[in-house]
Amino acid sequence: MAAISDPIADMLIRIKNANTARIEKIEMPNSNVKKEIAKILFDEGFIENYEVVNDNAVGSLKIYLKFDKNKKSPINGIKRVSKPSLRVYAKKNEIPKVLGGFGVAIISTSKGIMTGEEARKLGIGGEVICYIW
């Protein structure tokens, strides 16, 4: 298996593809960053649930997507913002609002990974990981 150059982008693409195909459960290699992103997606109501399975050295992260009875998902789009080749940072007063507040920006700050809203409240900036709406 080839090494993944951008594991966060890989995670977001897996979620996006599974969401489009209406697949309810996806699995990927685990990392602390991915776990924190999954926690935010769960807290913000974008996914049904997530769990970490420690079955080998790395373990895996299972994400359960959310669909209503018409197979409609709360996830309308995901966009990776900061990439390994081009990092994107935002100062505390420049943290973007996604779709006028209807979406969520996920920011990596000195206090951990959090939503753009939380970072604004704490008055800290950081690296803009992705947008989800």
N, C-alpha and C. Protein backbone atom coordinates (compact mmCIF):
# COMPACT_ATOMS: atom_id res chain seq x y z
N MET A 1 0.85 -1.18 0.00
CA MET A 1 0.00 0.00 0.00
C MET A 1 0.89 1.24 0.00
N ALA A 2 0.58 2.17 -0.85
CA ALA A 2 1.38 3.40 -0.96
C ALA A 2 1.06 4.35 0.19
N ALA A 3 2.06 5.13 0.57
CA ALA A 3 1.87 6.12 1.62
C ALA A 3 0.99 7.25 1.09
N ILE A 4 0.14 7.76 1.97
CA ILE A 4 -0.76 8.85 1.58
C ILE A 4 -0.07 10.16 1.92
N SER A 5 0.06 11.04 0.92
CA SER A 5 0.79 12.30 1.15
C SER A 5 -0.02 13.29 1.97
N ASP A 6 -1.37 13.22 1.90
CA ASP A 6 -2.22 14.13 2.67
C ASP A 6 -3.35 13.32 3.30
N PRO A 7 -3.11 12.76 4.50
CA PRO A 7 -4.11 11.89 5.13
C PRO A 7 -5.44 12.60 5.43
N ILE A 8 -5.40 13.90 5.71
CA ILE A 8 -6.64 14.62 6.00
C ILE A 8 -7.48 14.74 4.72
N ALA A 9 -6.84 15.06 3.61
CA ALA A 9 -7.55 15.13 2.33
C ALA A 9 -8.13 13.76 2.00
N ASP A 10 -7.37 12.70 2.28
CA ASP A 10 -7.85 11.33 2.04
C ASP A 10 -9.12 11.08 2.86
N MET A 11 -9.11 11.48 4.13
CA MET A 11 -10.27 11.31 5.00
C MET A 11 -11.49 12.06 4.44
N LEU A 12 -11.28 13.32 4.04
CA LEU A 12 -12.38 14.14 3.54
C LEU A 12 -12.94 13.58 2.23
N ILE A 13 -12.07 13.08 1.36
CA ILE A 13 -12.51 12.49 0.09
C ILE A 13 -13.31 11.22 0.35
N ARG A 14 -12.86 10.41 1.32
CA ARG A 14 -13.61 9.18 1.66
C ARG A 14 -15.01 9.53 2.15
N ILE A 15 -15.10 10.57 3.00
CA ILE A 15 -16.42 11.01 3.50
C ILE A 15 -17.28 11.51 2.35
N LYS A 16 -16.68 12.35 1.49
CA LYS A 16 -17.41 12.92 0.35
C LYS A 16 -17.93 11.82 -0.59
N ASN A 17 -17.06 10.86 -0.93
CA ASN A 17 -17.44 9.78 -1.84
C ASN A 17 -18.51 8.88 -1.23
N ALA A 18 -18.35 8.53 0.05
CA ALA A 18 -19.33 7.67 0.71
C ALA A 18 -20.66 8.40 0.82
N ASN A 19 -20.61 9.69 1.06
CA ASN A 19 -21.81 10.50 1.16
C ASN A 19 -22.56 10.52 -0.18
N THR A 20 -21.80 10.69 -1.28
CA THR A 20 -22.40 10.71 -2.62
C THR A 20 -23.00 9.34 -2.95
N ALA A 21 -22.31 8.27 -2.57
CA ALA A 21 -22.77 6.91 -2.87
C ALA A 21 -23.77 6.40 -1.83
N ARG A 22 -24.08 7.21 -0.82
CA ARG A 22 -25.03 6.85 0.25
C ARG A 22 -24.57 5.63 1.04
N ILE A 23 -23.25 5.54 1.28
CA ILE A 23 -22.69 4.45 2.08
C ILE A 23 -22.66 4.94 3.52
N GLU A 24 -23.20 4.11 4.43
CA GLU A 24 -23.39 4.58 5.80
C GLU A 24 -22.17 4.45 6.70
N LYS A 25 -21.23 3.54 6.36
CA LYS A 25 -20.07 3.35 7.23
C LYS A 25 -18.79 3.35 6.40
N ILE A 26 -17.80 4.13 6.85
CA ILE A 26 -16.50 4.11 6.18
C ILE A 26 -15.42 3.89 7.24
N GLU A 27 -14.31 3.32 6.79
CA GLU A 27 -13.22 3.01 7.69
C GLU A 27 -11.92 3.51 7.08
N MET A 28 -11.03 4.01 7.94
CA MET A 28 -9.75 4.54 7.48
C MET A 28 -8.72 4.40 8.59
N PRO A 29 -7.43 4.53 8.26
CA PRO A 29 -6.40 4.50 9.32
C PRO A 29 -6.65 5.66 10.30
N ASN A 30 -6.41 5.41 11.57
CA ASN A 30 -6.67 6.41 12.60
C ASN A 30 -5.47 7.33 12.81
N SER A 31 -5.74 8.56 13.23
CA SER A 31 -4.73 9.48 13.74
C SER A 31 -5.44 10.43 14.68
N ASN A 32 -4.70 11.10 15.54
CA ASN A 32 -5.32 12.03 16.48
C ASN A 32 -6.04 13.16 15.76
N VAL A 33 -5.45 13.67 14.67
CA VAL A 33 -6.07 14.77 13.92
C VAL A 33 -7.39 14.31 13.32
N LYS A 34 -7.39 13.13 12.69
CA LYS A 34 -8.63 12.61 12.09
C LYS A 34 -9.70 12.40 13.15
N LYS A 35 -9.28 11.90 14.32
CA LYS A 35 -10.22 11.66 15.42
C LYS A 35 -10.85 12.98 15.88
N GLU A 36 -10.05 14.04 15.96
CA GLU A 36 -10.55 15.36 16.36
C GLU A 36 -11.51 15.93 15.32
N ILE A 37 -11.18 15.73 14.03
CA ILE A 37 -12.06 16.20 12.95
C ILE A 37 -13.39 15.44 13.02
N ALA A 38 -13.32 14.11 13.24
CA ALA A 38 -14.54 13.30 13.35
C ALA A 38 -15.38 13.76 14.54
N LYS A 39 -14.73 14.12 15.65
CA LYS A 39 -15.45 14.60 16.83
C LYS A 39 -16.22 15.89 16.50
N ILE A 40 -15.56 16.81 15.77
CA ILE A 40 -16.22 18.06 15.38
C ILE A 40 -17.40 17.77 14.45
N LEU A 41 -17.20 16.87 13.47
CA LEU A 41 -18.28 16.53 12.54
C LEU A 41 -19.47 15.93 13.30
N PHE A 42 -19.17 15.13 14.34
CA PHE A 42 -20.23 14.55 15.17
C PHE A 42 -20.93 15.64 16.00
N ASP A 43 -20.13 16.48 16.66
CA ASP A 43 -20.69 17.54 17.51
C ASP A 43 -21.55 18.53 16.71
N GLU A 44 -21.16 18.77 15.46
CA GLU A 44 -21.89 19.72 14.62
C GLU A 44 -23.07 19.07 13.89
N GLY A 45 -23.25 17.75 14.08
CA GLY A 45 -24.41 17.07 13.49
C GLY A 45 -24.25 16.62 12.05
N PHE A 46 -23.02 16.56 11.55
CA PHE A 46 -22.80 16.14 10.17
C PHE A 46 -22.72 14.62 10.02
N ILE A 47 -22.31 13.92 11.08
CA ILE A 47 -22.23 12.46 11.02
C ILE A 47 -23.03 11.85 12.18
N GLU A 48 -23.43 10.59 12.01
CA GLU A 48 -24.20 9.87 13.02
C GLU A 48 -23.33 9.55 14.24
N ASN A 49 -22.11 9.02 13.98
CA ASN A 49 -21.21 8.64 15.06
C ASN A 49 -19.84 8.29 14.48
N TYR A 50 -18.88 8.04 15.36
CA TYR A 50 -17.55 7.59 14.96
C TYR A 50 -16.98 6.74 16.07
N GLU A 51 -16.05 5.86 15.73
CA GLU A 51 -15.38 5.06 16.76
C GLU A 51 -13.97 4.72 16.33
N VAL A 52 -13.11 4.58 17.33
CA VAL A 52 -11.72 4.20 17.08
C VAL A 52 -11.59 2.72 17.43
N VAL A 53 -11.07 1.93 16.49
CA VAL A 53 -10.87 0.51 16.71
C VAL A 53 -9.37 0.25 16.76
N ASN A 54 -8.89 -0.20 17.91
CA ASN A 54 -7.45 -0.46 18.06
C ASN A 54 -7.17 -1.93 17.80
N ASP A 55 -7.20 -2.31 16.52
CA ASP A 55 -6.98 -3.71 16.17
C ASP A 55 -5.55 -3.99 15.68
N ASN A 56 -4.78 -2.94 15.43
CA ASN A 56 -3.36 -3.12 15.05
C ASN A 56 -2.57 -1.93 15.58
N ALA A 57 -1.34 -1.76 15.12
CA ALA A 57 -0.48 -0.69 15.64
C ALA A 57 -1.10 0.70 15.50
N VAL A 58 -1.67 0.97 14.32
CA VAL A 58 -2.25 2.30 14.06
C VAL A 58 -3.68 2.36 14.54
N GLY A 59 -4.43 1.30 14.33
CA GLY A 59 -5.85 1.32 14.64
C GLY A 59 -6.60 1.93 13.47
N SER A 60 -7.92 1.84 13.54
CA SER A 60 -8.69 2.43 12.46
C SER A 60 -9.81 3.28 13.03
N LEU A 61 -10.27 4.19 12.20
CA LEU A 61 -11.34 5.11 12.57
C LEU A 61 -12.54 4.76 11.70
N LYS A 62 -13.66 4.46 12.36
CA LYS A 62 -14.89 4.17 11.62
C LYS A 62 -15.80 5.38 11.77
N ILE A 63 -16.33 5.84 10.64
CA ILE A 63 -17.24 6.97 10.64
C ILE A 63 -18.57 6.49 10.09
N TYR A 64 -19.64 6.78 10.84
CA TYR A 64 -20.99 6.41 10.43
C TYR A 64 -21.69 7.67 9.93
N LEU A 65 -21.99 7.69 8.63
CA LEU A 65 -22.63 8.86 8.04
C LEU A 65 -24.11 8.90 8.40
N LYS A 66 -24.66 10.09 8.33
CA LYS A 66 -26.05 10.31 8.71
C LYS A 66 -26.89 10.56 7.47
N PHE A 67 -28.01 9.83 7.37
CA PHE A 67 -28.96 10.03 6.28
C PHE A 67 -30.38 10.00 6.86
N ASP A 68 -31.28 10.79 6.27
CA ASP A 68 -32.67 10.72 6.73
C ASP A 68 -33.39 9.62 5.94
N LYS A 69 -34.71 9.48 6.14
CA LYS A 69 -35.45 8.39 5.49
C LYS A 69 -35.45 8.50 3.97
N ASN A 70 -35.21 9.70 3.42
CA ASN A 70 -35.12 9.89 1.97
C ASN A 70 -33.68 9.79 1.46
N LYS A 71 -32.79 9.26 2.30
CA LYS A 71 -31.36 9.13 1.99
C LYS A 71 -30.70 10.49 1.74
N LYS A 72 -31.21 11.54 2.37
CA LYS A 72 -30.63 12.88 2.26
C LYS A 72 -29.63 13.04 3.40
N SER A 73 -28.50 13.63 3.11
CA SER A 73 -27.44 13.80 4.11
C SER A 73 -27.32 15.26 4.53
N PRO A 74 -26.90 15.51 5.78
CA PRO A 74 -26.65 16.90 6.19
C PRO A 74 -25.38 17.47 5.54
N ILE A 75 -24.55 16.60 4.95
CA ILE A 75 -23.31 17.07 4.31
C ILE A 75 -23.62 17.43 2.85
N ASN A 76 -23.51 18.71 2.52
CA ASN A 76 -23.71 19.14 1.13
C ASN A 76 -22.38 19.35 0.42
N GLY A 77 -21.31 19.56 1.17
CA GLY A 77 -20.00 19.75 0.57
C GLY A 77 -18.90 19.77 1.60
N ILE A 78 -17.72 19.35 1.16
CA ILE A 78 -16.51 19.38 1.99
C ILE A 78 -15.41 19.93 1.12
N LYS A 79 -14.60 20.83 1.67
CA LYS A 79 -13.49 21.38 0.89
C LYS A 79 -12.24 21.44 1.75
N ARG A 80 -11.17 20.83 1.27
CA ARG A 80 -9.87 20.91 1.95
C ARG A 80 -9.30 22.29 1.63
N VAL A 81 -8.89 23.04 2.64
CA VAL A 81 -8.39 24.40 2.41
C VAL A 81 -6.86 24.41 2.44
N SER A 82 -6.29 24.08 3.59
CA SER A 82 -4.84 24.08 3.74
C SER A 82 -4.30 22.72 3.29
N LYS A 83 -3.32 22.75 2.40
CA LYS A 83 -2.74 21.50 1.88
C LYS A 83 -1.26 21.45 2.27
N PRO A 84 -0.64 20.27 2.20
CA PRO A 84 0.79 20.21 2.50
C PRO A 84 1.62 21.13 1.59
N SER A 85 1.17 21.29 0.35
CA SER A 85 1.92 22.13 -0.60
C SER A 85 1.62 23.62 -0.42
N LEU A 86 0.47 23.94 0.20
CA LEU A 86 0.10 25.34 0.38
C LEU A 86 -0.70 25.48 1.67
N ARG A 87 -0.02 25.84 2.73
CA ARG A 87 -0.67 26.01 4.03
C ARG A 87 -1.46 27.31 4.04
N VAL A 88 -2.64 27.28 4.64
CA VAL A 88 -3.49 28.47 4.73
C VAL A 88 -3.74 28.76 6.21
N TYR A 89 -3.33 29.94 6.64
CA TYR A 89 -3.50 30.35 8.04
C TYR A 89 -4.44 31.54 8.10
N ALA A 90 -5.13 31.66 9.23
CA ALA A 90 -6.03 32.80 9.43
C ALA A 90 -5.75 33.40 10.81
N LYS A 91 -5.62 34.72 10.86
CA LYS A 91 -5.48 35.40 12.14
C LYS A 91 -6.83 35.37 12.84
N LYS A 92 -6.83 35.67 14.14
CA LYS A 92 -8.06 35.55 14.92
C LYS A 92 -9.23 36.36 14.36
N ASN A 93 -8.93 37.51 13.74
CA ASN A 93 -10.00 38.34 13.19
C ASN A 93 -10.25 38.07 11.70
N GLU A 94 -9.59 37.05 11.14
CA GLU A 94 -9.76 36.72 9.72
C GLU A 94 -10.33 35.32 9.51
N ILE A 95 -10.79 34.68 10.59
CA ILE A 95 -11.32 33.32 10.47
C ILE A 95 -12.58 33.36 9.62
N PRO A 96 -12.61 32.59 8.53
CA PRO A 96 -13.73 32.68 7.59
C PRO A 96 -15.04 32.11 8.15
N LYS A 97 -16.14 32.73 7.73
CA LYS A 97 -17.47 32.17 8.00
C LYS A 97 -17.85 31.40 6.74
N VAL A 98 -18.25 30.16 6.89
CA VAL A 98 -18.58 29.31 5.75
C VAL A 98 -20.07 29.47 5.43
N LEU A 99 -20.36 29.85 4.20
CA LEU A 99 -21.73 30.08 3.73
C LEU A 99 -22.52 30.96 4.68
N GLY A 100 -21.91 32.04 5.10
CA GLY A 100 -22.58 33.00 5.98
C GLY A 100 -22.99 32.41 7.31
N GLY A 101 -22.27 31.39 7.79
CA GLY A 101 -22.57 30.80 9.08
C GLY A 101 -23.31 29.47 8.99
N PHE A 102 -23.72 29.06 7.78
CA PHE A 102 -24.42 27.79 7.63
C PHE A 102 -23.47 26.60 7.61
N GLY A 103 -22.20 26.85 7.30
CA GLY A 103 -21.20 25.79 7.28
C GLY A 103 -20.24 25.94 8.45
N VAL A 104 -19.25 25.06 8.50
CA VAL A 104 -18.29 25.06 9.60
C VAL A 104 -16.88 25.06 9.03
N ALA A 105 -16.04 25.95 9.58
CA ALA A 105 -14.61 25.92 9.26
C ALA A 105 -13.94 25.14 10.38
N ILE A 106 -13.05 24.21 10.03
CA ILE A 106 -12.30 23.46 11.04
C ILE A 106 -10.88 24.01 11.04
N ILE A 107 -10.44 24.47 12.21
CA ILE A 107 -9.17 25.17 12.36
C ILE A 107 -8.25 24.40 13.31
N SER A 108 -6.98 24.31 12.96
CA SER A 108 -5.98 23.74 13.86
C SER A 108 -5.29 24.90 14.56
N THR A 109 -5.48 24.99 15.87
CA THR A 109 -4.92 26.11 16.64
C THR A 109 -3.90 25.59 17.65
N SER A 110 -3.31 26.52 18.38
CA SER A 110 -2.37 26.14 19.42
C SER A 110 -3.09 25.44 20.58
N LYS A 111 -4.40 25.60 20.66
CA LYS A 111 -5.21 24.96 21.70
C LYS A 111 -5.92 23.70 21.19
N GLY A 112 -5.51 23.22 20.02
CA GLY A 112 -6.12 22.02 19.47
C GLY A 112 -6.96 22.31 18.24
N ILE A 113 -7.61 21.27 17.73
CA ILE A 113 -8.45 21.41 16.55
C ILE A 113 -9.85 21.78 17.01
N MET A 114 -10.42 22.81 16.37
CA MET A 114 -11.74 23.29 16.77
C MET A 114 -12.44 23.95 15.59
N THR A 115 -13.68 24.33 15.81
CA THR A 115 -14.42 25.02 14.76
C THR A 115 -13.95 26.47 14.70
N GLY A 116 -14.22 27.12 13.59
CA GLY A 116 -13.87 28.53 13.43
C GLY A 116 -14.58 29.38 14.47
N GLU A 117 -15.81 29.00 14.81
CA GLU A 117 -16.61 29.73 15.81
C GLU A 117 -15.92 29.69 17.18
N GLU A 118 -15.45 28.50 17.59
CA GLU A 118 -14.76 28.36 18.88
C GLU A 118 -13.47 29.17 18.89
N ALA A 119 -12.73 29.12 17.77
CA ALA A 119 -11.47 29.86 17.68
C ALA A 119 -11.74 31.37 17.80
N ARG A 120 -12.82 31.84 17.15
CA ARG A 120 -13.19 33.25 17.24
C ARG A 120 -13.49 33.65 18.67
N LYS A 121 -14.24 32.80 19.38
CA LYS A 121 -14.59 33.08 20.79
C LYS A 121 -13.35 33.13 21.68
N LEU A 122 -12.39 32.22 21.41
CA LEU A 122 -11.17 32.19 22.21
C LEU A 122 -10.17 33.27 21.77
N GLY A 123 -10.43 33.90 20.62
CA GLY A 123 -9.55 34.95 20.12
C GLY A 123 -8.21 34.44 19.62
N ILE A 124 -8.24 33.23 18.99
CA ILE A 124 -7.00 32.68 18.44
C ILE A 124 -7.19 32.31 16.97
N GLY A 125 -6.12 32.39 16.23
CA GLY A 125 -6.13 31.99 14.82
C GLY A 125 -5.45 30.64 14.67
N GLY A 126 -5.26 30.24 13.43
CA GLY A 126 -4.60 28.96 13.20
C GLY A 126 -4.65 28.56 11.74
N GLU A 127 -4.35 27.29 11.50
CA GLU A 127 -4.37 26.76 10.14
C GLU A 127 -5.78 26.31 9.79
N VAL A 128 -6.29 26.77 8.66
CA VAL A 128 -7.64 26.41 8.20
C VAL A 128 -7.56 25.05 7.52
N ILE A 129 -8.04 24.01 8.19
CA ILE A 129 -7.96 22.65 7.66
C ILE A 129 -8.98 22.44 6.54
N CYS A 130 -10.25 22.71 6.83
CA CYS A 130 -11.28 22.45 5.82
C CYS A 130 -12.56 23.19 6.14
N TYR A 131 -13.46 23.19 5.15
CA TYR A 131 -14.82 23.72 5.31
C TYR A 131 -15.76 22.55 5.09
N ILE A 132 -16.87 22.56 5.82
CA ILE A 132 -17.93 21.58 5.57
C ILE A 132 -19.26 22.31 5.67
N TRP A 133 -20.14 22.00 4.76
CA TRP A 133 -21.46 22.63 4.78
C TRP A 133 -22.52 21.65 4.32
